[in-house]
Every structure is written in C-alpha cells, then in structure tokens.
N, C-alpha and C. Protein backbone atom coordinates (compact mmCIF):
# COMPACT_ATOMS: atom_id res chain seq x y z
N MET A 1 -1.52 32.14 36.26
CA MET A 1 -1.59 30.69 36.35
C MET A 1 -0.39 30.06 35.65
N ALA A 2 -0.03 30.58 34.47
CA ALA A 2 1.08 30.00 33.73
C ALA A 2 2.41 30.27 34.42
N ASP A 3 2.47 31.33 35.23
CA ASP A 3 3.73 31.65 35.93
C ASP A 3 3.99 30.71 37.09
N LYS A 4 2.98 30.01 37.57
CA LYS A 4 3.13 29.20 38.78
C LYS A 4 2.89 27.73 38.50
N GLN A 5 3.66 27.17 37.58
CA GLN A 5 3.56 25.72 37.35
C GLN A 5 4.41 25.03 38.39
N LEU A 6 3.84 24.06 39.07
CA LEU A 6 4.53 23.43 40.18
C LEU A 6 5.47 22.31 39.74
N ASP A 7 5.24 21.73 38.58
CA ASP A 7 6.03 20.57 38.19
C ASP A 7 7.24 20.93 37.33
N VAL A 8 7.52 22.22 37.12
CA VAL A 8 8.64 22.64 36.29
C VAL A 8 9.59 23.48 37.13
N SER A 9 10.87 23.14 37.06
CA SER A 9 11.86 23.92 37.79
C SER A 9 12.10 25.25 37.08
N PRO A 10 12.59 26.23 37.79
CA PRO A 10 12.83 27.54 37.16
C PRO A 10 13.84 27.46 36.01
N GLU A 11 14.85 26.60 36.13
CA GLU A 11 15.84 26.46 35.06
C GLU A 11 15.20 25.86 33.80
N ALA A 12 14.37 24.83 33.98
CA ALA A 12 13.70 24.21 32.84
C ALA A 12 12.72 25.18 32.20
N ARG A 13 12.07 25.98 33.01
CA ARG A 13 11.13 26.97 32.48
C ARG A 13 11.87 28.03 31.67
N GLN A 14 13.03 28.47 32.17
CA GLN A 14 13.82 29.47 31.46
C GLN A 14 14.33 28.91 30.12
N ILE A 15 14.77 27.66 30.12
CA ILE A 15 15.24 27.02 28.89
C ILE A 15 14.11 26.92 27.88
N ALA A 16 12.92 26.52 28.34
CA ALA A 16 11.77 26.40 27.44
C ALA A 16 11.38 27.76 26.86
N GLU A 17 11.44 28.79 27.70
CA GLU A 17 11.11 30.14 27.21
C GLU A 17 12.12 30.61 26.17
N GLU A 18 13.41 30.36 26.41
CA GLU A 18 14.45 30.74 25.44
C GLU A 18 14.27 30.00 24.13
N LYS A 19 13.94 28.73 24.22
CA LYS A 19 13.72 27.93 23.01
C LYS A 19 12.53 28.46 22.22
N THR A 20 11.46 28.80 22.92
CA THR A 20 10.29 29.37 22.25
C THR A 20 10.61 30.71 21.61
N GLN A 21 11.41 31.51 22.30
CA GLN A 21 11.80 32.81 21.76
C GLN A 21 12.65 32.65 20.49
N ARG A 22 13.62 31.71 20.51
CA ARG A 22 14.45 31.44 19.32
C ARG A 22 13.59 30.96 18.16
N LYS A 23 12.65 30.08 18.46
CA LYS A 23 11.77 29.55 17.42
C LYS A 23 10.93 30.66 16.80
N LEU A 24 10.45 31.57 17.62
CA LEU A 24 9.65 32.68 17.14
C LEU A 24 10.48 33.63 16.26
N VAL A 25 11.72 33.91 16.68
CA VAL A 25 12.59 34.79 15.88
C VAL A 25 12.89 34.15 14.53
N LEU A 26 13.22 32.85 14.52
CA LEU A 26 13.52 32.16 13.26
C LEU A 26 12.29 32.08 12.37
N ARG A 27 11.13 31.88 12.96
CA ARG A 27 9.89 31.81 12.18
C ARG A 27 9.60 33.15 11.53
N ASN A 28 9.75 34.22 12.28
CA ASN A 28 9.50 35.54 11.73
C ASN A 28 10.49 35.88 10.62
N GLU A 29 11.75 35.50 10.81
CA GLU A 29 12.75 35.75 9.76
C GLU A 29 12.41 34.96 8.50
N PHE A 30 12.01 33.71 8.65
CA PHE A 30 11.65 32.90 7.50
C PHE A 30 10.46 33.50 6.76
N LEU A 31 9.44 33.91 7.51
CA LEU A 31 8.26 34.50 6.87
C LEU A 31 8.61 35.81 6.16
N LYS A 32 9.51 36.58 6.75
CA LYS A 32 9.93 37.83 6.12
C LYS A 32 10.65 37.56 4.81
N LEU A 33 11.55 36.57 4.81
CA LEU A 33 12.27 36.23 3.58
C LEU A 33 11.35 35.59 2.54
N LYS A 34 10.43 34.78 2.99
CA LYS A 34 9.53 34.08 2.09
C LYS A 34 8.57 35.03 1.38
N SER A 35 8.12 36.05 2.10
CA SER A 35 7.13 36.94 1.52
C SER A 35 7.73 38.22 0.96
N ASP A 36 9.04 38.29 0.82
CA ASP A 36 9.69 39.49 0.27
C ASP A 36 9.40 39.57 -1.22
N PRO A 37 8.73 40.62 -1.69
CA PRO A 37 8.38 40.70 -3.11
C PRO A 37 9.58 40.98 -4.01
N PHE A 38 10.71 41.45 -3.45
CA PHE A 38 11.87 41.79 -4.26
C PHE A 38 12.81 40.60 -4.49
N ARG A 39 12.52 39.43 -3.90
CA ARG A 39 13.38 38.25 -4.10
C ARG A 39 13.28 37.74 -5.54
N HIS A 40 12.16 38.02 -6.22
CA HIS A 40 12.01 37.57 -7.59
C HIS A 40 12.97 38.30 -8.52
N ALA A 41 13.38 39.51 -8.13
CA ALA A 41 14.29 40.29 -8.96
C ALA A 41 15.69 39.69 -8.99
N ILE A 42 16.09 38.98 -7.93
CA ILE A 42 17.44 38.38 -7.92
C ILE A 42 17.43 36.94 -8.43
N GLY A 43 16.29 36.45 -8.84
CA GLY A 43 16.22 35.14 -9.48
C GLY A 43 15.98 33.98 -8.54
N GLU A 44 15.79 34.21 -7.26
CA GLU A 44 15.57 33.11 -6.32
C GLU A 44 14.11 32.74 -6.19
N GLY A 45 13.23 33.58 -6.63
CA GLY A 45 11.81 33.30 -6.48
C GLY A 45 11.41 33.39 -5.03
N GLY A 46 10.47 32.58 -4.60
CA GLY A 46 10.01 32.60 -3.22
C GLY A 46 10.74 31.62 -2.34
N ALA A 47 11.74 30.92 -2.89
CA ALA A 47 12.46 29.92 -2.11
C ALA A 47 13.47 30.59 -1.19
N VAL A 48 13.58 30.08 0.02
CA VAL A 48 14.53 30.60 1.00
C VAL A 48 15.69 29.63 1.06
N PHE A 49 16.91 30.14 0.87
CA PHE A 49 18.10 29.29 0.92
C PHE A 49 18.47 29.06 2.38
N ASP A 50 18.55 27.80 2.76
CA ASP A 50 18.93 27.44 4.13
C ASP A 50 20.12 26.50 4.05
N SER A 51 21.27 26.95 4.53
CA SER A 51 22.50 26.16 4.40
C SER A 51 22.43 24.88 5.23
N LYS A 52 21.77 24.92 6.39
CA LYS A 52 21.67 23.72 7.23
C LYS A 52 20.82 22.64 6.55
N PHE A 53 19.73 23.07 5.94
CA PHE A 53 18.88 22.12 5.23
C PHE A 53 19.60 21.55 4.01
N LEU A 54 20.39 22.38 3.34
CA LEU A 54 21.16 21.91 2.19
C LEU A 54 22.21 20.88 2.62
N ARG A 55 22.86 21.11 3.76
CA ARG A 55 23.84 20.14 4.27
C ARG A 55 23.16 18.83 4.63
N LEU A 56 21.96 18.90 5.22
CA LEU A 56 21.22 17.69 5.56
C LEU A 56 20.88 16.89 4.31
N GLN A 57 20.38 17.56 3.28
CA GLN A 57 20.03 16.86 2.04
C GLN A 57 21.27 16.25 1.40
N SER A 58 22.38 16.97 1.41
CA SER A 58 23.61 16.46 0.84
C SER A 58 24.09 15.23 1.60
N MET A 59 23.99 15.27 2.92
CA MET A 59 24.39 14.13 3.72
C MET A 59 23.53 12.90 3.41
N GLN A 60 22.23 13.11 3.23
CA GLN A 60 21.35 11.99 2.94
C GLN A 60 21.62 11.40 1.56
N VAL A 61 21.98 12.23 0.60
CA VAL A 61 22.25 11.75 -0.75
C VAL A 61 23.56 10.97 -0.79
N HIS A 62 24.57 11.44 -0.08
CA HIS A 62 25.90 10.83 -0.15
C HIS A 62 26.17 9.86 0.99
N TYR A 63 25.14 9.41 1.67
CA TYR A 63 25.34 8.50 2.81
C TYR A 63 26.01 7.21 2.36
N TYR A 64 25.56 6.64 1.26
CA TYR A 64 26.08 5.34 0.83
C TYR A 64 27.47 5.45 0.23
N ASP A 65 27.90 6.66 -0.17
CA ASP A 65 29.26 6.82 -0.66
C ASP A 65 30.28 6.65 0.45
N TYR A 66 29.90 7.02 1.66
CA TYR A 66 30.83 6.98 2.79
C TYR A 66 30.53 5.85 3.77
N PHE A 67 29.60 4.98 3.44
CA PHE A 67 29.22 3.88 4.32
C PHE A 67 30.31 2.81 4.31
N LYS A 68 30.74 2.39 5.48
CA LYS A 68 31.74 1.33 5.60
C LYS A 68 31.11 0.18 6.39
N PRO A 69 30.99 -0.99 5.77
CA PRO A 69 30.40 -2.11 6.51
C PRO A 69 31.32 -2.56 7.63
N LYS A 70 30.74 -2.78 8.78
CA LYS A 70 31.48 -3.23 9.95
C LYS A 70 30.79 -4.47 10.51
N GLY A 71 31.41 -5.09 11.47
CA GLY A 71 30.86 -6.31 12.06
C GLY A 71 29.50 -6.10 12.69
N LYS A 72 29.32 -4.95 13.32
CA LYS A 72 28.03 -4.68 13.97
C LYS A 72 26.92 -4.56 12.92
N ASN A 73 27.22 -3.93 11.78
CA ASN A 73 26.22 -3.80 10.72
C ASN A 73 25.85 -5.16 10.15
N VAL A 74 26.87 -5.99 9.91
CA VAL A 74 26.62 -7.31 9.35
C VAL A 74 25.81 -8.15 10.33
N LEU A 75 26.19 -8.10 11.59
CA LEU A 75 25.48 -8.89 12.60
C LEU A 75 24.03 -8.44 12.74
N SER A 76 23.80 -7.13 12.75
CA SER A 76 22.41 -6.66 12.86
C SER A 76 21.60 -7.03 11.62
N GLY A 77 22.23 -6.99 10.44
CA GLY A 77 21.53 -7.41 9.22
C GLY A 77 21.16 -8.87 9.26
N ILE A 78 22.08 -9.69 9.74
CA ILE A 78 21.80 -11.13 9.83
C ILE A 78 20.69 -11.39 10.86
N LEU A 79 20.77 -10.70 12.00
CA LEU A 79 19.78 -10.93 13.04
C LEU A 79 18.39 -10.43 12.64
N MET A 80 18.34 -9.38 11.85
CA MET A 80 17.03 -8.82 11.49
C MET A 80 16.43 -9.46 10.25
N MET A 81 17.25 -10.05 9.38
CA MET A 81 16.70 -10.56 8.12
C MET A 81 16.82 -12.07 8.00
N VAL A 82 18.00 -12.61 8.22
CA VAL A 82 18.24 -14.02 7.94
C VAL A 82 17.64 -14.91 9.03
N VAL A 83 17.86 -14.57 10.28
CA VAL A 83 17.37 -15.40 11.39
C VAL A 83 15.84 -15.52 11.38
N PRO A 84 15.08 -14.43 11.23
CA PRO A 84 13.62 -14.60 11.18
C PRO A 84 13.15 -15.45 10.01
N MET A 85 13.82 -15.35 8.85
CA MET A 85 13.40 -16.18 7.71
C MET A 85 13.63 -17.66 8.01
N PHE A 86 14.78 -17.99 8.57
CA PHE A 86 15.05 -19.39 8.89
C PHE A 86 14.15 -19.89 10.01
N ALA A 87 13.87 -19.05 10.99
CA ALA A 87 12.98 -19.45 12.08
C ALA A 87 11.57 -19.71 11.56
N TYR A 88 11.08 -18.85 10.69
CA TYR A 88 9.74 -19.04 10.11
C TYR A 88 9.72 -20.29 9.23
N GLY A 89 10.76 -20.49 8.45
CA GLY A 89 10.84 -21.69 7.62
C GLY A 89 10.86 -22.96 8.45
N TYR A 90 11.64 -22.95 9.55
CA TYR A 90 11.71 -24.12 10.42
C TYR A 90 10.35 -24.38 11.06
N PHE A 91 9.65 -23.32 11.47
CA PHE A 91 8.33 -23.47 12.08
C PHE A 91 7.35 -24.10 11.09
N ILE A 92 7.33 -23.61 9.85
CA ILE A 92 6.41 -24.14 8.84
C ILE A 92 6.75 -25.59 8.52
N LYS A 93 8.06 -25.89 8.36
CA LYS A 93 8.46 -27.27 8.03
C LYS A 93 8.11 -28.24 9.14
N SER A 94 8.36 -27.86 10.39
CA SER A 94 8.04 -28.78 11.50
C SER A 94 6.53 -28.98 11.62
N GLN A 95 5.77 -27.93 11.39
CA GLN A 95 4.32 -28.06 11.44
C GLN A 95 3.81 -28.99 10.34
N ARG A 96 4.34 -28.83 9.13
CA ARG A 96 3.91 -29.68 8.02
C ARG A 96 4.37 -31.13 8.21
N ASP A 97 5.58 -31.31 8.76
CA ASP A 97 6.05 -32.67 9.02
C ASP A 97 5.17 -33.38 10.04
N ASP A 98 4.78 -32.67 11.10
CA ASP A 98 3.88 -33.26 12.10
C ASP A 98 2.54 -33.63 11.49
N LEU A 99 2.00 -32.75 10.66
CA LEU A 99 0.73 -33.02 10.00
C LEU A 99 0.84 -34.20 9.04
N GLU A 100 1.94 -34.26 8.30
CA GLU A 100 2.16 -35.38 7.37
C GLU A 100 2.28 -36.70 8.12
N ALA A 101 2.95 -36.67 9.28
CA ALA A 101 3.05 -37.89 10.08
C ALA A 101 1.68 -38.35 10.57
N LYS A 102 0.83 -37.40 10.96
CA LYS A 102 -0.52 -37.77 11.38
C LYS A 102 -1.32 -38.36 10.22
N TYR A 103 -1.14 -37.79 9.02
CA TYR A 103 -1.83 -38.33 7.84
C TYR A 103 -1.37 -39.75 7.56
N ARG A 104 -0.09 -40.00 7.63
CA ARG A 104 0.45 -41.32 7.30
C ARG A 104 0.07 -42.37 8.34
N ARG A 105 -0.06 -41.95 9.60
CA ARG A 105 -0.47 -42.90 10.64
C ARG A 105 -1.97 -43.14 10.63
N GLY A 106 -2.71 -42.33 9.89
CA GLY A 106 -4.16 -42.51 9.81
C GLY A 106 -4.92 -41.85 10.94
N GLU A 107 -4.31 -40.91 11.63
CA GLU A 107 -4.99 -40.24 12.73
C GLU A 107 -6.01 -39.20 12.24
N VAL A 108 -5.84 -38.73 11.00
CA VAL A 108 -6.76 -37.74 10.44
C VAL A 108 -7.47 -38.37 9.25
N ALA A 109 -8.79 -38.36 9.27
CA ALA A 109 -9.56 -38.93 8.17
C ALA A 109 -9.39 -38.04 6.93
N TYR A 110 -9.59 -38.64 5.76
CA TYR A 110 -9.40 -37.90 4.51
C TYR A 110 -10.39 -36.74 4.40
N LYS A 111 -11.59 -36.94 4.89
CA LYS A 111 -12.59 -35.88 4.80
C LYS A 111 -12.27 -34.71 5.72
N ASP A 112 -11.45 -34.92 6.76
CA ASP A 112 -11.11 -33.86 7.71
C ASP A 112 -9.83 -33.11 7.34
N ARG A 113 -9.14 -33.52 6.30
CA ARG A 113 -7.89 -32.86 5.92
C ARG A 113 -8.16 -31.49 5.32
N ASP A 114 -7.21 -30.59 5.52
CA ASP A 114 -7.35 -29.22 5.01
C ASP A 114 -7.15 -29.18 3.48
N SER A 115 -6.10 -29.84 3.03
CA SER A 115 -5.84 -29.82 1.57
C SER A 115 -6.08 -31.22 1.02
N LYS A 116 -6.98 -31.30 0.01
CA LYS A 116 -7.32 -32.58 -0.59
C LYS A 116 -6.96 -32.53 -2.06
N TRP A 117 -6.67 -33.66 -2.64
CA TRP A 117 -6.34 -33.72 -4.06
C TRP A 117 -7.58 -33.78 -4.93
N ILE A 118 -8.69 -34.21 -4.34
CA ILE A 118 -9.92 -34.35 -5.14
C ILE A 118 -10.90 -33.29 -4.70
C-alpha cells in the first residue's frame, strides 16, 4: 500500500526516502556518541559537540554586532510601531472629542454618562 501512493511522483518519493535515510543515519550516530561510556574519560561528558549548532549559536549571539540599519529596516520599524500607536491615539482622541461635544450640547443626560465626577 505504501509503495503505491497516487499523489506523489517517483522523484518526490525518492527524495523523501533519501531524506528519511539521512535523518536515520544522523540520529543513530548521535545516539551512539551520546551513549558512549568512554566519552567521560576525555572530559566531554555526555555532551556531543556539533560544529553546525555551535555556528548557529555564535551567529545568534553576534547578530547585533554586524547589524547595519538600512532604509527598509527603518521603514518597517516605523510602520510596525509608530503608525499603529498614532492611529490608536487618533481613534481614541476623536472618539472622546465626539463624546465631549455630545456632553456639551446636552444630548447625553448626566445620569447616562459613563464617567461621572460624583
């Protein structure tokens, strides 16, 4: 049944099988290194040294050392942070101004107001 999937091309199936095979080989190698009882003798303990993971961590730590602000970064920061704050502030101010105008014209009775002084 698994050999006859109709929605997968033979090339995609072969790629998926190769990927699964690579994953299995890497998993077995990791488990072999992790459970090696003689690793404690060389001082590494049960930790497995992975150079790719170390490069990733180093890149994440030193990201801000190499960051260069550009126009696209500034524009996206303004669009994501400053514009929504001003839009929300404008919405609140216009809503309060409309409510204040209704209060001053006497359209809303004092007992019906949301915020009262007494």
